[in-house]
Amino acid sequence: MDILVSVFPVFVFLAALIFLDSYKLVKLKWIIATILLGCGIALIAFWTNTNILERTNIDIELFSRYMAPVIEEVLKASFIVYLIRSQKVGFMVDSAIYGFAIGAGFACVENIYYIHSIESSNLFLWIIRGFGTAVMHGGTTAICGVISKN
């Protein structure tokens, strides 16, 4: 139940974004593939962050606040940059959909990780993670896509 509550909001927002797209140029199979790519990017970010922390003497709080977000956002934005540079994105809304899909996959993996790490049965915590962090991951990458396409 916690996993469902923590990932449901981001997929509702993604569905709304897809529904509002009047051109419908982004196919569902590409959206699903992009969500899976976002899951993979989350795993790469976790591995990268863990390795940096293990090999350096950086304070974990400073790293979590200032370095990890930069690493995560650069990894998520790299696919959007690839799509735009290879001219696979026609309109800004397409890049927003792809960006939100990457963020949705990333948020799913992150929330599943936190569910197993925190082991809290407080449903309110997972609602906040679903509407807060999950939407933030999708939103920031969508905004990056729109700005990059513009």
Protein backbone atom coordinates (compact mmCIF):
# COMPACT_ATOMS: atom_id res chain seq x y z
CA MET A 1 0.00 0.00 0.00
CA ASP A 2 2.86 2.39 0.84
CA ILE A 3 4.45 1.90 -2.58
CA LEU A 4 1.14 2.54 -4.34
CA VAL A 5 0.47 5.71 -2.34
CA SER A 6 4.00 7.00 -2.93
CA VAL A 7 4.00 6.54 -6.73
CA PHE A 8 0.34 7.06 -7.63
CA PRO A 9 0.39 10.90 -7.68
CA VAL A 10 3.26 11.15 -10.12
CA PHE A 11 1.52 8.84 -12.60
CA VAL A 12 -1.71 10.81 -12.27
CA PHE A 13 0.20 13.98 -13.18
CA LEU A 14 1.90 12.20 -16.08
CA ALA A 15 -1.46 10.92 -17.36
CA ALA A 16 -2.88 14.45 -17.14
CA LEU A 17 0.06 15.83 -19.09
CA ILE A 18 -0.40 13.19 -21.79
CA PHE A 19 -4.15 13.85 -21.90
CA LEU A 20 -3.63 17.61 -22.27
CA ASP A 21 -1.23 17.13 -25.18
CA SER A 22 -3.37 17.99 -28.20
CA TYR A 23 -0.85 16.74 -30.79
CA LYS A 24 -0.33 13.27 -29.27
CA LEU A 25 3.05 12.84 -30.98
CA VAL A 26 4.64 10.96 -28.07
CA LYS A 27 3.61 7.31 -28.29
CA LEU A 28 2.71 5.29 -25.18
CA LYS A 29 5.47 2.73 -25.81
CA TRP A 30 8.06 5.55 -25.77
CA ILE A 31 6.60 6.95 -22.56
CA ILE A 32 6.83 3.53 -20.90
CA ALA A 33 10.40 3.13 -22.18
CA THR A 34 11.26 6.57 -20.80
CA ILE A 35 9.78 5.67 -17.40
CA LEU A 36 11.98 2.56 -17.37
CA LEU A 37 14.95 4.71 -18.37
CA GLY A 38 14.17 6.97 -15.39
CA CYS A 39 14.26 3.88 -13.16
CA GLY A 40 17.67 3.02 -14.57
CA ILE A 41 18.90 6.57 -14.08
CA ALA A 42 17.87 6.37 -10.42
CA LEU A 43 19.97 3.23 -10.01
CA ILE A 44 22.93 4.88 -11.74
CA ALA A 45 22.55 7.95 -9.49
CA PHE A 46 22.41 5.74 -6.39
CA TRP A 47 25.53 3.88 -7.47
CA THR A 48 27.36 7.12 -8.34
CA ASN A 49 26.42 8.85 -5.10
CA THR A 50 27.32 5.81 -3.02
CA ASN A 51 30.72 5.49 -4.70
CA ILE A 52 31.53 9.17 -4.24
CA LEU A 53 30.60 8.99 -0.56
CA GLU A 54 32.66 5.84 -0.02
CA ARG A 55 35.76 7.19 -1.78
CA THR A 56 35.79 10.70 -0.33
CA ASN A 57 35.61 12.28 3.08
CA ILE A 58 32.61 14.47 2.26
CA ASP A 59 30.07 15.09 5.00
CA ILE A 60 26.90 13.16 4.10
CA GLU A 61 24.63 16.10 4.93
CA LEU A 62 26.58 18.47 2.67
CA PHE A 63 26.71 15.85 -0.07
CA SER A 64 22.97 15.15 0.20
CA ARG A 65 22.11 18.81 0.10
CA TYR A 66 24.50 20.18 -2.53
CA MET A 67 26.10 17.45 -4.63
CA ALA A 68 23.63 14.57 -4.97
CA PRO A 69 20.85 16.75 -6.45
CA VAL A 70 23.22 18.10 -9.10
CA ILE A 71 24.32 14.58 -10.05
CA GLU A 72 20.71 13.37 -10.21
CA GLU A 73 19.43 16.30 -12.26
CA VAL A 74 22.32 16.12 -14.74
CA LEU A 75 21.70 12.41 -15.25
CA LYS A 76 17.95 12.96 -15.78
CA ALA A 77 18.49 15.95 -18.08
CA SER A 78 21.02 14.12 -20.25
CA PHE A 79 18.30 12.09 -21.99
CA ILE A 80 16.26 15.22 -22.70
CA VAL A 81 19.34 16.86 -24.20
CA TYR A 82 19.90 13.76 -26.33
CA LEU A 83 16.29 13.83 -27.58
CA ILE A 84 16.46 17.50 -28.49
CA ARG A 85 19.91 17.31 -30.12
CA SER A 86 18.85 14.31 -32.20
CA GLN A 87 15.61 16.11 -33.20
CA LYS A 88 13.33 13.45 -31.73
CA VAL A 89 11.22 16.04 -29.90
CA GLY A 90 8.86 18.17 -31.94
CA PHE A 91 7.27 20.50 -29.43
CA MET A 92 7.93 21.78 -25.92
CA VAL A 93 5.06 19.68 -24.57
CA ASP A 94 6.76 16.56 -25.94
CA SER A 95 9.93 17.37 -24.03
CA ALA A 96 7.80 18.03 -20.92
CA ILE A 97 6.15 14.61 -21.26
CA TYR A 98 9.49 12.86 -21.72
CA GLY A 99 10.96 14.82 -18.81
CA PHE A 100 8.08 13.99 -16.51
CA ALA A 101 8.28 10.32 -17.52
CA ILE A 102 11.99 10.21 -16.64
CA GLY A 103 11.22 11.84 -13.30
CA ALA A 104 8.35 9.40 -12.70
CA GLY A 105 10.63 6.40 -13.13
CA PHE A 106 13.29 8.01 -10.96
CA ALA A 107 10.74 8.78 -8.24
CA CYS A 108 9.40 5.21 -8.26
CA VAL A 109 12.82 3.73 -7.58
CA GLU A 110 13.64 6.38 -4.99
CA ASN A 111 10.36 5.89 -3.12
CA ILE A 112 10.70 2.11 -3.15
CA TYR A 113 14.23 2.52 -1.76
CA TYR A 114 12.99 4.81 1.02
CA ILE A 115 10.08 2.50 1.86
CA HIS A 116 12.59 -0.27 2.53
CA SER A 117 15.09 2.03 4.28
CA ILE A 118 12.79 3.97 6.57
CA GLU A 119 10.33 1.17 7.37
CA SER A 120 7.66 3.59 8.53
CA SER A 121 4.05 2.54 8.52
CA ASN A 122 2.92 6.16 8.60
CA LEU A 123 0.75 6.48 5.49
CA PHE A 124 0.93 10.28 5.69
CA LEU A 125 4.71 10.13 5.12
CA TRP A 126 4.21 8.22 1.86
CA ILE A 127 1.44 10.57 0.73
CA ILE A 128 3.83 13.49 1.21
CA ARG A 129 6.61 11.63 -0.62
CA GLY A 130 4.17 10.86 -3.44
CA PHE A 131 2.91 14.41 -3.87
CA GLY A 132 6.15 16.11 -2.86
CA THR A 133 9.30 14.41 -3.97
CA ALA A 134 7.81 12.27 -6.70
CA VAL A 135 6.15 15.23 -8.40
CA MET A 136 9.32 17.28 -7.85
CA HIS A 137 11.43 14.76 -9.79
CA GLY A 138 8.97 14.74 -12.68
CA GLY A 139 8.41 18.48 -12.58
CA THR A 140 12.05 19.55 -12.55
CA THR A 141 12.93 17.30 -15.46
CA ALA A 142 9.83 18.44 -17.37
CA ILE A 143 10.80 22.07 -16.79
CA CYS A 144 14.33 21.28 -17.93
CA GLY A 145 12.87 19.75 -21.09
CA VAL A 146 10.66 22.75 -21.82
CA ILE A 147 13.48 25.24 -21.24
CA SER A 148 15.91 23.19 -23.32
CA LYS A 149 13.46 22.85 -26.20
CA ASN A 150 12.65 26.55 -26.07
